[in-house]
Amino acid sequence: PAVRNSVVMRASGGPSILKELSNEQIAVDMEDALRMNVSAVAVQVFIGGEFESQSVTNMTKLIDAGNRYGIPVLGVTAVGKDMVRDAKYMRLATRICAELGAAFVKTYYVEGEFETVTASCPVPVVIAGGKKLPEIDALKMARNAIDQGASGVDMGRNIFQSESPVSMISAVRKVVHENMSPKHAYELYLDLMNNEKSQNKQGGK
């Protein structure tokens, strides 16, 4: 393959604009995932939602197929629109995913109680980035999550909606993998962003 970086591919999907977005099905078969050379697949599970049974079945089918081919499954603890993102819910949802065979679980960071979520889950936990935050706050959230037992972060909007996504992902990496403080990581982000702007200006001359 031309790309060496590991890819975790989303394998479940459903409506994009209809009322109930949790009505998901398996969108990518494990055989297709293998052909695309992914390292793992991800599936959303809506514990407590209208389509909980369906989403759990989606996950267990992918886990069974993944076990045959050696492809791990990431269980994503999606929260329905009428549910609260509290520690009690996250503990339940992450544990259910793990006990049904998910190799690792993605969930939301819960301020003040996240350590109880990671402690009750028998597999590695990574946090979702959630809504767009100021860069320093996103870095603080990543640091707090790692300090409270998370194995990593899976940020979307806090990376690609940043003024400099490349600089931001470099700063997040320093926090997660090199134990850098949010303050120093934010300073690194600003330095990298300013260097990027300077290079772009020079290239535009």
N, C-alpha and C. Protein backbone atom coordinates (compact mmCIF):
# COMPACT_ATOMS: atom_id res chain seq x y z
N PRO A 1 0.82 -1.22 0.00
CA PRO A 1 0.00 0.00 0.00
C PRO A 1 0.85 1.27 0.00
N ALA A 2 0.34 2.31 -0.61
CA ALA A 2 1.09 3.56 -0.68
C ALA A 2 1.06 4.31 0.64
N VAL A 3 0.08 4.03 1.48
CA VAL A 3 -0.07 4.74 2.76
C VAL A 3 0.31 3.83 3.91
N ARG A 4 1.16 4.31 4.79
CA ARG A 4 1.60 3.51 5.93
C ARG A 4 0.78 3.77 7.18
N ASN A 5 0.15 4.92 7.25
CA ASN A 5 -0.62 5.25 8.45
C ASN A 5 -1.82 4.31 8.60
N SER A 6 -2.07 3.92 9.84
CA SER A 6 -3.21 3.04 10.11
C SER A 6 -4.51 3.81 9.93
N VAL A 7 -5.52 3.14 9.39
CA VAL A 7 -6.82 3.75 9.15
C VAL A 7 -7.90 2.94 9.87
N VAL A 8 -8.71 3.64 10.66
CA VAL A 8 -9.90 3.04 11.27
C VAL A 8 -11.09 3.58 10.49
N MET A 9 -11.78 2.71 9.78
CA MET A 9 -12.84 3.14 8.86
C MET A 9 -14.22 2.98 9.48
N ARG A 10 -15.02 4.01 9.37
CA ARG A 10 -16.40 3.95 9.82
C ARG A 10 -17.17 2.97 8.93
N ALA A 11 -17.80 1.96 9.55
CA ALA A 11 -18.46 0.91 8.79
C ALA A 11 -19.97 0.92 8.93
N SER A 12 -20.52 1.80 9.76
CA SER A 12 -21.97 1.91 9.89
C SER A 12 -22.43 3.26 9.36
N GLY A 13 -23.67 3.30 8.91
CA GLY A 13 -24.19 4.55 8.38
C GLY A 13 -25.70 4.51 8.30
N GLY A 14 -26.29 5.70 8.17
CA GLY A 14 -27.74 5.78 8.12
C GLY A 14 -28.18 7.10 7.53
N PRO A 15 -29.38 7.56 7.90
CA PRO A 15 -29.91 8.80 7.34
C PRO A 15 -29.00 9.99 7.63
N SER A 16 -29.00 10.94 6.71
CA SER A 16 -28.18 12.13 6.90
C SER A 16 -28.99 13.36 7.28
N ILE A 17 -30.26 13.41 6.87
CA ILE A 17 -31.07 14.60 7.16
C ILE A 17 -32.44 14.26 7.73
N LEU A 18 -32.77 12.98 7.80
CA LEU A 18 -34.08 12.60 8.31
C LEU A 18 -34.14 12.75 9.83
N LYS A 19 -35.32 12.57 10.40
CA LYS A 19 -35.56 12.84 11.82
C LYS A 19 -34.67 12.02 12.74
N GLU A 20 -34.58 10.71 12.50
CA GLU A 20 -33.86 9.84 13.42
C GLU A 20 -32.56 9.36 12.78
N LEU A 21 -31.46 10.00 13.15
CA LEU A 21 -30.17 9.70 12.54
C LEU A 21 -29.55 8.41 13.07
N SER A 22 -30.11 7.85 14.15
CA SER A 22 -29.53 6.64 14.74
C SER A 22 -30.00 5.36 14.06
N ASN A 23 -30.83 5.48 13.05
CA ASN A 23 -31.34 4.30 12.33
C ASN A 23 -30.27 3.83 11.34
N GLU A 24 -29.22 3.22 11.88
CA GLU A 24 -28.07 2.86 11.07
C GLU A 24 -28.05 1.38 10.70
N GLN A 25 -27.36 1.09 9.60
CA GLN A 25 -27.11 -0.27 9.14
C GLN A 25 -25.61 -0.43 8.92
N ILE A 26 -25.18 -1.67 8.70
CA ILE A 26 -23.79 -1.88 8.30
C ILE A 26 -23.62 -1.36 6.88
N ALA A 27 -22.73 -0.41 6.70
CA ALA A 27 -22.54 0.21 5.39
C ALA A 27 -21.36 -0.38 4.63
N VAL A 28 -20.42 -0.99 5.35
CA VAL A 28 -19.23 -1.56 4.73
C VAL A 28 -19.02 -2.97 5.28
N ASP A 29 -19.02 -3.96 4.43
CA ASP A 29 -18.75 -5.33 4.86
C ASP A 29 -17.28 -5.49 5.24
N MET A 30 -17.00 -6.48 6.08
CA MET A 30 -15.63 -6.70 6.50
C MET A 30 -14.72 -7.04 5.32
N GLU A 31 -15.25 -7.78 4.34
CA GLU A 31 -14.45 -8.11 3.16
C GLU A 31 -14.05 -6.85 2.39
N ASP A 32 -14.97 -5.88 2.31
CA ASP A 32 -14.63 -4.61 1.66
C ASP A 32 -13.58 -3.85 2.46
N ALA A 33 -13.70 -3.89 3.78
CA ALA A 33 -12.70 -3.24 4.63
C ALA A 33 -11.33 -3.85 4.42
N LEU A 34 -11.28 -5.17 4.28
CA LEU A 34 -10.01 -5.85 4.03
C LEU A 34 -9.41 -5.41 2.70
N ARG A 35 -10.25 -5.30 1.69
CA ARG A 35 -9.75 -4.88 0.37
C ARG A 35 -9.19 -3.47 0.41
N MET A 36 -9.72 -2.65 1.30
CA MET A 36 -9.22 -1.27 1.43
C MET A 36 -8.07 -1.16 2.42
N ASN A 37 -7.64 -2.30 2.96
CA ASN A 37 -6.44 -2.38 3.80
C ASN A 37 -6.55 -1.54 5.08
N VAL A 38 -7.74 -1.51 5.67
CA VAL A 38 -7.89 -0.76 6.92
C VAL A 38 -7.34 -1.58 8.08
N SER A 39 -7.01 -0.88 9.16
CA SER A 39 -6.48 -1.55 10.35
C SER A 39 -7.58 -1.93 11.33
N ALA A 40 -8.71 -1.24 11.25
CA ALA A 40 -9.85 -1.52 12.13
C ALA A 40 -11.08 -0.87 11.52
N VAL A 41 -12.25 -1.27 12.00
CA VAL A 41 -13.49 -0.62 11.57
C VAL A 41 -14.23 -0.09 12.80
N ALA A 42 -15.04 0.94 12.58
CA ALA A 42 -15.79 1.57 13.67
C ALA A 42 -17.28 1.47 13.40
N VAL A 43 -18.05 1.27 14.46
CA VAL A 43 -19.50 1.19 14.33
C VAL A 43 -20.14 1.90 15.52
N GLN A 44 -21.17 2.69 15.25
CA GLN A 44 -21.85 3.41 16.32
C GLN A 44 -22.87 2.51 17.01
N VAL A 45 -22.95 2.66 18.33
CA VAL A 45 -23.91 1.91 19.13
C VAL A 45 -24.71 2.90 19.97
N PHE A 46 -26.03 2.85 19.85
CA PHE A 46 -26.90 3.81 20.52
C PHE A 46 -27.57 3.14 21.72
N ILE A 47 -26.83 2.99 22.80
CA ILE A 47 -27.36 2.36 24.01
C ILE A 47 -28.47 3.25 24.59
N GLY A 48 -29.65 2.66 24.80
CA GLY A 48 -30.76 3.41 25.35
C GLY A 48 -31.58 4.16 24.32
N GLY A 49 -31.16 4.10 23.05
CA GLY A 49 -31.89 4.81 22.00
C GLY A 49 -32.93 3.93 21.34
N GLU A 50 -33.70 4.52 20.46
CA GLU A 50 -34.78 3.79 19.77
C GLU A 50 -34.24 2.61 18.98
N PHE A 51 -33.06 2.76 18.41
CA PHE A 51 -32.49 1.70 17.57
C PHE A 51 -31.32 1.01 18.25
N GLU A 52 -31.39 0.88 19.57
CA GLU A 52 -30.30 0.22 20.30
C GLU A 52 -30.07 -1.20 19.80
N SER A 53 -31.13 -2.00 19.72
CA SER A 53 -30.98 -3.41 19.33
C SER A 53 -30.35 -3.54 17.95
N GLN A 54 -30.80 -2.70 17.04
CA GLN A 54 -30.27 -2.74 15.67
C GLN A 54 -28.79 -2.37 15.65
N SER A 55 -28.43 -1.32 16.39
CA SER A 55 -27.04 -0.88 16.38
C SER A 55 -26.13 -1.88 17.08
N VAL A 56 -26.63 -2.52 18.14
CA VAL A 56 -25.84 -3.55 18.81
C VAL A 56 -25.63 -4.75 17.88
N THR A 57 -26.68 -5.11 17.15
CA THR A 57 -26.56 -6.21 16.19
C THR A 57 -25.54 -5.87 15.10
N ASN A 58 -25.57 -4.62 14.63
CA ASN A 58 -24.56 -4.18 13.65
C ASN A 58 -23.15 -4.43 14.19
N MET A 59 -22.94 -4.04 15.44
CA MET A 59 -21.60 -4.18 16.02
C MET A 59 -21.20 -5.64 16.18
N THR A 60 -22.10 -6.46 16.70
CA THR A 60 -21.74 -7.85 16.94
C THR A 60 -21.48 -8.60 15.64
N LYS A 61 -22.21 -8.25 14.58
CA LYS A 61 -21.96 -8.88 13.27
C LYS A 61 -20.57 -8.52 12.77
N LEU A 62 -20.20 -7.25 12.92
CA LEU A 62 -18.87 -6.84 12.48
C LEU A 62 -17.78 -7.45 13.36
N ILE A 63 -18.05 -7.58 14.65
CA ILE A 63 -17.07 -8.20 15.55
C ILE A 63 -16.85 -9.66 15.15
N ASP A 64 -17.92 -10.38 14.87
CA ASP A 64 -17.80 -11.78 14.44
C ASP A 64 -16.97 -11.89 13.16
N ALA A 65 -17.28 -11.01 12.19
CA ALA A 65 -16.52 -11.04 10.94
C ALA A 65 -15.08 -10.62 11.17
N GLY A 66 -14.88 -9.61 12.01
CA GLY A 66 -13.53 -9.15 12.30
C GLY A 66 -12.69 -10.22 12.97
N ASN A 67 -13.30 -11.01 13.84
CA ASN A 67 -12.56 -12.08 14.50
C ASN A 67 -12.08 -13.13 13.50
N ARG A 68 -12.85 -13.33 12.44
CA ARG A 68 -12.43 -14.31 11.42
C ARG A 68 -11.23 -13.82 10.63
N TYR A 69 -11.14 -12.50 10.45
CA TYR A 69 -10.08 -11.95 9.61
C TYR A 69 -8.99 -11.23 10.41
N GLY A 70 -9.14 -11.14 11.70
CA GLY A 70 -8.14 -10.44 12.50
C GLY A 70 -8.24 -8.93 12.44
N ILE A 71 -9.43 -8.41 12.20
CA ILE A 71 -9.65 -6.96 12.14
C ILE A 71 -10.42 -6.52 13.38
N PRO A 72 -9.84 -5.67 14.23
CA PRO A 72 -10.55 -5.23 15.44
C PRO A 72 -11.66 -4.25 15.12
N VAL A 73 -12.62 -4.17 16.03
CA VAL A 73 -13.76 -3.27 15.87
C VAL A 73 -13.76 -2.23 16.99
N LEU A 74 -13.93 -0.97 16.59
CA LEU A 74 -14.07 0.14 17.53
C LEU A 74 -15.55 0.38 17.77
N GLY A 75 -16.00 0.24 19.01
CA GLY A 75 -17.37 0.56 19.36
C GLY A 75 -17.49 2.04 19.72
N VAL A 76 -18.37 2.75 19.03
CA VAL A 76 -18.53 4.19 19.24
C VAL A 76 -19.82 4.42 20.01
N THR A 77 -19.72 4.94 21.21
CA THR A 77 -20.90 5.11 22.06
C THR A 77 -21.61 6.40 21.70
N ALA A 78 -22.42 6.34 20.66
CA ALA A 78 -23.19 7.50 20.24
C ALA A 78 -24.32 7.77 21.23
N VAL A 79 -24.64 9.03 21.41
CA VAL A 79 -25.68 9.44 22.36
C VAL A 79 -26.87 9.99 21.61
N GLY A 80 -28.05 9.44 21.88
CA GLY A 80 -29.27 9.93 21.25
C GLY A 80 -29.58 11.36 21.65
N LYS A 81 -30.39 12.01 20.84
CA LYS A 81 -30.65 13.44 21.06
C LYS A 81 -31.38 13.72 22.37
N ASP A 82 -32.07 12.73 22.92
CA ASP A 82 -32.82 12.94 24.17
C ASP A 82 -32.07 12.43 25.40
N MET A 83 -30.81 12.06 25.25
CA MET A 83 -30.07 11.46 26.36
C MET A 83 -28.98 12.40 26.87
N VAL A 84 -28.61 12.21 28.12
CA VAL A 84 -27.62 13.07 28.77
C VAL A 84 -26.25 12.40 28.70
N ARG A 85 -25.24 13.18 28.38
CA ARG A 85 -23.88 12.65 28.32
C ARG A 85 -23.24 12.69 29.71
N ASP A 86 -23.74 11.87 30.62
CA ASP A 86 -23.16 11.84 31.96
C ASP A 86 -22.33 10.57 32.15
N ALA A 87 -21.61 10.53 33.27
CA ALA A 87 -20.70 9.41 33.51
C ALA A 87 -21.44 8.09 33.65
N LYS A 88 -22.61 8.12 34.25
CA LYS A 88 -23.38 6.88 34.42
C LYS A 88 -23.70 6.25 33.08
N TYR A 89 -24.16 7.06 32.14
CA TYR A 89 -24.47 6.54 30.80
C TYR A 89 -23.20 6.05 30.10
N MET A 90 -22.13 6.83 30.18
CA MET A 90 -20.90 6.45 29.49
C MET A 90 -20.31 5.16 30.06
N ARG A 91 -20.40 4.99 31.37
CA ARG A 91 -19.91 3.74 31.97
C ARG A 91 -20.68 2.54 31.42
N LEU A 92 -22.00 2.68 31.36
CA LEU A 92 -22.84 1.59 30.86
C LEU A 92 -22.55 1.31 29.39
N ALA A 93 -22.53 2.35 28.57
CA ALA A 93 -22.37 2.18 27.13
C ALA A 93 -21.01 1.60 26.77
N THR A 94 -19.95 2.11 27.40
CA THR A 94 -18.62 1.60 27.07
C THR A 94 -18.46 0.15 27.51
N ARG A 95 -19.00 -0.18 28.67
CA ARG A 95 -18.87 -1.56 29.16
C ARG A 95 -19.64 -2.54 28.28
N ILE A 96 -20.83 -2.13 27.83
CA ILE A 96 -21.61 -3.00 26.95
C ILE A 96 -20.84 -3.28 25.66
N CYS A 97 -20.26 -2.24 25.08
CA CYS A 97 -19.48 -2.43 23.85
C CYS A 97 -18.32 -3.39 24.08
N ALA A 98 -17.62 -3.20 25.19
CA ALA A 98 -16.47 -4.05 25.49
C ALA A 98 -16.89 -5.49 25.73
N GLU A 99 -17.96 -5.68 26.49
CA GLU A 99 -18.39 -7.04 26.82
C GLU A 99 -18.95 -7.79 25.62
N LEU A 100 -19.38 -7.05 24.61
CA LEU A 100 -19.86 -7.69 23.38
C LEU A 100 -18.74 -7.94 22.38
N GLY A 101 -17.52 -7.54 22.74
CA GLY A 101 -16.38 -7.90 21.91
C GLY A 101 -15.63 -6.78 21.23
N ALA A 102 -16.03 -5.51 21.43
CA ALA A 102 -15.28 -4.41 20.83
C ALA A 102 -13.85 -4.40 21.38
N ALA A 103 -12.88 -4.24 20.49
CA ALA A 103 -11.48 -4.25 20.91
C ALA A 103 -11.09 -2.97 21.62
N PHE A 104 -11.75 -1.87 21.26
CA PHE A 104 -11.57 -0.60 21.94
C PHE A 104 -12.83 0.22 21.74
N VAL A 105 -12.99 1.27 22.55
CA VAL A 105 -14.25 2.00 22.59
C VAL A 105 -13.97 3.50 22.51
N LYS A 106 -14.82 4.18 21.76
CA LYS A 106 -14.76 5.64 21.66
C LYS A 106 -15.96 6.22 22.39
N THR A 107 -15.70 7.20 23.25
CA THR A 107 -16.79 7.80 24.01
C THR A 107 -16.48 9.27 24.25
N TYR A 108 -17.39 9.96 24.91
CA TYR A 108 -17.21 11.38 25.19
C TYR A 108 -16.53 11.59 26.53
N TYR A 109 -15.74 12.64 26.60
CA TYR A 109 -15.11 13.00 27.86
C TYR A 109 -16.15 13.60 28.80
N VAL A 110 -16.16 13.13 30.05
CA VAL A 110 -17.10 13.63 31.06
C VAL A 110 -16.29 14.35 32.13
N GLU A 111 -16.51 15.63 32.25
CA GLU A 111 -15.74 16.45 33.19
C GLU A 111 -15.92 15.96 34.62
N GLY A 112 -14.81 15.71 35.29
CA GLY A 112 -14.83 15.38 36.72
C GLY A 112 -15.04 13.93 37.05
N GLU A 113 -15.63 13.15 36.13
CA GLU A 113 -15.93 11.75 36.44
C GLU A 113 -15.42 10.78 35.38
N PHE A 114 -14.58 11.26 34.49
CA PHE A 114 -14.18 10.41 33.38
C PHE A 114 -13.36 9.20 33.84
N GLU A 115 -12.64 9.36 34.93
CA GLU A 115 -11.83 8.25 35.44
C GLU A 115 -12.70 7.04 35.79
N THR A 116 -13.95 7.29 36.21
CA THR A 116 -14.85 6.17 36.51
C THR A 116 -15.26 5.44 35.24
N VAL A 117 -15.27 6.15 34.12
CA VAL A 117 -15.61 5.52 32.84
C VAL A 117 -14.48 4.60 32.39
N THR A 118 -13.26 5.10 32.40
CA THR A 118 -12.13 4.28 31.97
C THR A 118 -11.88 3.12 32.92
N ALA A 119 -12.12 3.33 34.22
CA ALA A 119 -11.88 2.27 35.20
C ALA A 119 -12.87 1.12 35.06
N SER A 120 -14.07 1.42 34.58
CA SER A 120 -15.10 0.38 34.47
C SER A 120 -15.11 -0.32 33.12
N CYS A 121 -14.29 0.15 32.18
CA CYS A 121 -14.25 -0.43 30.84
C CYS A 121 -13.02 -1.32 30.70
N PRO A 122 -13.19 -2.60 30.36
CA PRO A 122 -12.06 -3.53 30.31
C PRO A 122 -11.20 -3.45 29.05
N VAL A 123 -11.52 -2.55 28.13
CA VAL A 123 -10.71 -2.38 26.92
C VAL A 123 -10.29 -0.91 26.81
N PRO A 124 -9.30 -0.60 25.97
CA PRO A 124 -8.86 0.79 25.84
C PRO A 124 -9.99 1.72 25.41
N VAL A 125 -9.94 2.95 25.94
CA VAL A 125 -10.94 3.97 25.65
C VAL A 125 -10.26 5.16 24.98
N VAL A 126 -10.86 5.66 23.91
CA VAL A 126 -10.42 6.91 23.30
C VAL A 126 -11.59 7.89 23.35
N ILE A 127 -11.27 9.17 23.41
CA ILE A 127 -12.35 10.15 23.52
C ILE A 127 -12.66 10.78 22.17
N ALA A 128 -13.92 11.13 22.00
CA ALA A 128 -14.36 11.91 20.86
C ALA A 128 -14.06 13.38 21.13
N GLY A 129 -13.82 14.14 20.08
CA GLY A 129 -13.53 15.55 20.27
C GLY A 129 -14.77 16.37 20.60
N GLY A 130 -15.93 15.93 20.08
CA GLY A 130 -17.15 16.68 20.35
C GLY A 130 -17.20 17.98 19.57
N LYS A 131 -17.92 18.94 20.13
CA LYS A 131 -18.09 20.23 19.46
C LYS A 131 -16.76 20.98 19.39
N LYS A 132 -16.69 21.95 18.47
CA LYS A 132 -15.48 22.75 18.32
C LYS A 132 -15.24 23.58 19.56
N LEU A 133 -14.02 23.49 20.07
CA LEU A 133 -13.59 24.24 21.24
C LEU A 133 -12.43 25.15 20.86
N PRO A 134 -12.17 26.20 21.64
CA PRO A 134 -10.92 26.93 21.45
C PRO A 134 -9.75 25.95 21.57
N GLU A 135 -8.70 26.18 20.81
CA GLU A 135 -7.60 25.21 20.75
C GLU A 135 -7.04 24.87 22.12
N ILE A 136 -6.85 25.85 22.97
CA ILE A 136 -6.29 25.57 24.30
C ILE A 136 -7.22 24.68 25.11
N ASP A 137 -8.52 24.86 24.96
CA ASP A 137 -9.48 24.02 25.70
C ASP A 137 -9.50 22.59 25.17
N ALA A 138 -9.37 22.43 23.86
CA ALA A 138 -9.31 21.08 23.29
C ALA A 138 -8.06 20.35 23.77
N LEU A 139 -6.96 21.08 23.86
CA LEU A 139 -5.71 20.47 24.35
C LEU A 139 -5.82 20.11 25.82
N LYS A 140 -6.48 20.95 26.59
CA LYS A 140 -6.70 20.63 28.01
C LYS A 140 -7.58 19.40 28.17
N MET A 141 -8.62 19.29 27.34
CA MET A 141 -9.49 18.13 27.40
C MET A 141 -8.70 16.86 27.08
N ALA A 142 -7.86 16.93 26.06
CA ALA A 142 -7.05 15.77 25.70
C ALA A 142 -6.12 15.37 26.85
N ARG A 143 -5.49 16.36 27.46
CA ARG A 143 -4.58 16.08 28.58
C ARG A 143 -5.34 15.46 29.75
N ASN A 144 -6.49 16.03 30.09
CA ASN A 144 -7.28 15.50 31.21
C ASN A 144 -7.74 14.07 30.94
N ALA A 145 -8.15 13.81 29.71
CA ALA A 145 -8.62 12.47 29.36
C ALA A 145 -7.50 11.45 29.50
N ILE A 146 -6.32 11.78 29.01
CA ILE A 146 -5.18 10.86 29.12
C ILE A 146 -4.81 10.65 30.58
N ASP A 147 -4.80 11.73 31.35
CA ASP A 147 -4.47 11.62 32.78
C ASP A 147 -5.48 10.76 33.53
N GLN A 148 -6.71 10.69 33.01
CA GLN A 148 -7.77 9.94 33.69
C GLN A 148 -8.02 8.57 33.04
N GLY A 149 -7.05 8.09 32.28
CA GLY A 149 -7.12 6.72 31.82
C GLY A 149 -7.41 6.47 30.36
N ALA A 150 -7.66 7.51 29.58
CA ALA A 150 -7.90 7.31 28.15
C ALA A 150 -6.61 6.86 27.46
N SER A 151 -6.76 6.07 26.42
CA SER A 151 -5.60 5.59 25.66
C SER A 151 -5.28 6.49 24.47
N GLY A 152 -6.21 7.36 24.12
CA GLY A 152 -5.99 8.23 22.98
C GLY A 152 -7.18 9.13 22.74
N VAL A 153 -7.10 9.92 21.68
CA VAL A 153 -8.20 10.83 21.31
C VAL A 153 -8.52 10.63 19.84
N ASP A 154 -9.76 10.90 19.48
CA ASP A 154 -10.22 10.81 18.10
C ASP A 154 -10.99 12.08 17.79
N MET A 155 -10.27 13.13 17.45
CA MET A 155 -10.88 14.44 17.26
C MET A 155 -11.20 14.69 15.81
N GLY A 156 -12.33 15.34 15.57
CA GLY A 156 -12.72 15.73 14.23
C GLY A 156 -12.73 17.23 14.08
N ARG A 157 -13.82 17.86 14.53
CA ARG A 157 -13.97 19.31 14.36
C ARG A 157 -12.87 20.11 15.04
N ASN A 158 -12.36 19.61 16.16
CA ASN A 158 -11.30 20.34 16.84
C ASN A 158 -9.97 20.28 16.10
N ILE A 159 -9.92 19.45 15.06
CA ILE A 159 -8.76 19.44 14.17
C ILE A 159 -9.09 20.18 12.88
N PHE A 160 -10.09 19.69 12.12
CA PHE A 160 -10.28 20.24 10.77
C PHE A 160 -10.95 21.60 10.76
N GLN A 161 -11.57 22.04 11.88
CA GLN A 161 -12.11 23.39 11.95
C GLN A 161 -11.13 24.36 12.62
N SER A 162 -9.97 23.87 12.98
CA SER A 162 -8.95 24.75 13.53
C SER A 162 -8.41 25.65 12.42
N GLU A 163 -7.86 26.78 12.80
CA GLU A 163 -7.29 27.68 11.80
C GLU A 163 -6.14 27.01 11.05
N SER A 164 -5.43 26.13 11.75
CA SER A 164 -4.34 25.38 11.13
C SER A 164 -4.44 23.92 11.56
N PRO A 165 -5.17 23.10 10.81
CA PRO A 165 -5.36 21.70 11.21
C PRO A 165 -4.06 20.93 11.39
N VAL A 166 -3.08 21.15 10.51
CA VAL A 166 -1.81 20.43 10.63
C VAL A 166 -1.10 20.80 11.93
N SER A 167 -1.11 22.07 12.27
CA SER A 167 -0.48 22.51 13.51
C SER A 167 -1.21 21.96 14.72
N MET A 168 -2.53 21.92 14.64
CA MET A 168 -3.32 21.43 15.77
C MET A 168 -3.11 19.95 16.01
N ILE A 169 -3.08 19.17 14.95
CA ILE A 169 -2.90 17.74 15.15
C ILE A 169 -1.50 17.44 15.67
N SER A 170 -0.53 18.26 15.31
CA SER A 170 0.82 18.10 15.86
C SER A 170 0.83 18.40 17.36
N ALA A 171 0.09 19.43 17.76
CA ALA A 171 0.01 19.78 19.18
C ALA A 171 -0.71 18.70 19.98
N VAL A 172 -1.80 18.18 19.43
CA VAL A 172 -2.53 17.10 20.12
C VAL A 172 -1.64 15.88 20.27
N ARG A 173 -0.89 15.57 19.24
CA ARG A 173 0.02 14.42 19.30
C ARG A 173 1.03 14.58 20.43
N LYS A 174 1.55 15.77 20.60
CA LYS A 174 2.52 16.01 21.68
C LYS A 174 1.88 15.78 23.05
N VAL A 175 0.63 16.20 23.20
CA VAL A 175 -0.07 16.01 24.47
C VAL A 175 -0.30 14.53 24.74
N VAL A 176 -0.78 13.82 23.73
CA VAL A 176 -1.17 12.42 23.92
C VAL A 176 0.03 11.49 24.01
N HIS A 177 1.00 11.67 23.13
CA HIS A 177 2.09 10.70 23.01
C HIS A 177 3.39 11.12 23.69
N GLU A 178 3.54 12.40 23.99
CA GLU A 178 4.80 12.85 24.58
C GLU A 178 4.59 13.60 25.90
N ASN A 179 3.38 13.52 26.43
CA ASN A 179 3.09 14.05 27.76
C ASN A 179 3.33 15.56 27.88
N MET A 180 3.18 16.28 26.79
CA MET A 180 3.37 17.73 26.83
C MET A 180 2.19 18.39 27.51
N SER A 181 2.44 19.46 28.23
CA SER A 181 1.36 20.18 28.90
C SER A 181 0.53 20.93 27.87
N PRO A 182 -0.75 21.18 28.16
CA PRO A 182 -1.58 21.94 27.23
C PRO A 182 -1.01 23.33 26.92
N LYS A 183 -0.42 23.96 27.93
CA LYS A 183 0.15 25.29 27.73
C LYS A 183 1.27 25.26 26.69
N HIS A 184 2.20 24.33 26.86
CA HIS A 184 3.31 24.23 25.91
C HIS A 184 2.84 23.74 24.55
N ALA A 185 1.84 22.87 24.54
CA ALA A 185 1.31 22.39 23.27
C ALA A 185 0.61 23.52 22.51
N TYR A 186 -0.07 24.39 23.24
CA TYR A 186 -0.73 25.53 22.59
C TYR A 186 0.31 26.49 22.03
N GLU A 187 1.40 26.69 22.76
CA GLU A 187 2.48 27.53 22.25
C GLU A 187 3.08 26.93 20.99
N LEU A 188 3.23 25.60 20.99
CA LEU A 188 3.72 24.92 19.79
C LEU A 188 2.76 25.12 18.63
N TYR A 189 1.46 24.99 18.91
CA TYR A 189 0.44 25.20 17.88
C TYR A 189 0.57 26.59 17.26
N LEU A 190 0.71 27.60 18.10
CA LEU A 190 0.83 28.97 17.59
C LEU A 190 2.09 29.14 16.76
N ASP A 191 3.20 28.58 17.22
CA ASP A 191 4.46 28.68 16.47
C ASP A 191 4.34 28.01 15.10
N LEU A 192 3.79 26.80 15.10
CA LEU A 192 3.65 26.08 13.83
C LEU A 192 2.70 26.80 12.89
N MET A 193 1.61 27.35 13.44
CA MET A 193 0.65 28.06 12.62
C MET A 193 1.28 29.32 12.01
N ASN A 194 2.03 30.05 12.82
CA ASN A 194 2.68 31.26 12.31
C ASN A 194 3.72 30.93 11.25
N ASN A 195 4.46 29.84 11.45
CA ASN A 195 5.42 29.41 10.43
C ASN A 195 4.71 29.03 9.14
N GLU A 196 3.58 28.37 9.28
CA GLU A 196 2.80 27.99 8.10
C GLU A 196 2.32 29.22 7.34
N LYS A 197 1.84 30.22 8.07
CA LYS A 197 1.37 31.45 7.43
C LYS A 197 2.52 32.16 6.74
N SER A 198 3.69 32.17 7.39
CA SER A 198 4.85 32.84 6.81
C SER A 198 5.28 32.16 5.52
N GLN A 199 5.27 30.82 5.53
CA GLN A 199 5.65 30.08 4.33
C GLN A 199 4.65 30.30 3.20
N ASN A 200 3.37 30.38 3.57
CA ASN A 200 2.35 30.61 2.55
C ASN A 200 2.50 31.99 1.91
N LYS A 201 2.86 32.98 2.74
CA LYS A 201 3.08 34.33 2.21
C LYS A 201 4.27 34.36 1.26
N GLN A 202 5.34 33.67 1.66
CA GLN A 202 6.53 33.64 0.81
C GLN A 202 6.25 32.91 -0.49
N GLY A 203 5.44 31.86 -0.40
CA GLY A 203 5.11 31.10 -1.61
C GLY A 203 4.21 31.87 -2.54
N GLY A 204 3.48 32.86 -1.99
CA GLY A 204 2.55 33.63 -2.81
C GLY A 204 3.19 34.81 -3.50
N LYS A 205 4.47 35.07 -3.17
CA LYS A 205 5.14 36.21 -3.80
C LYS A 205 5.49 35.90 -5.26
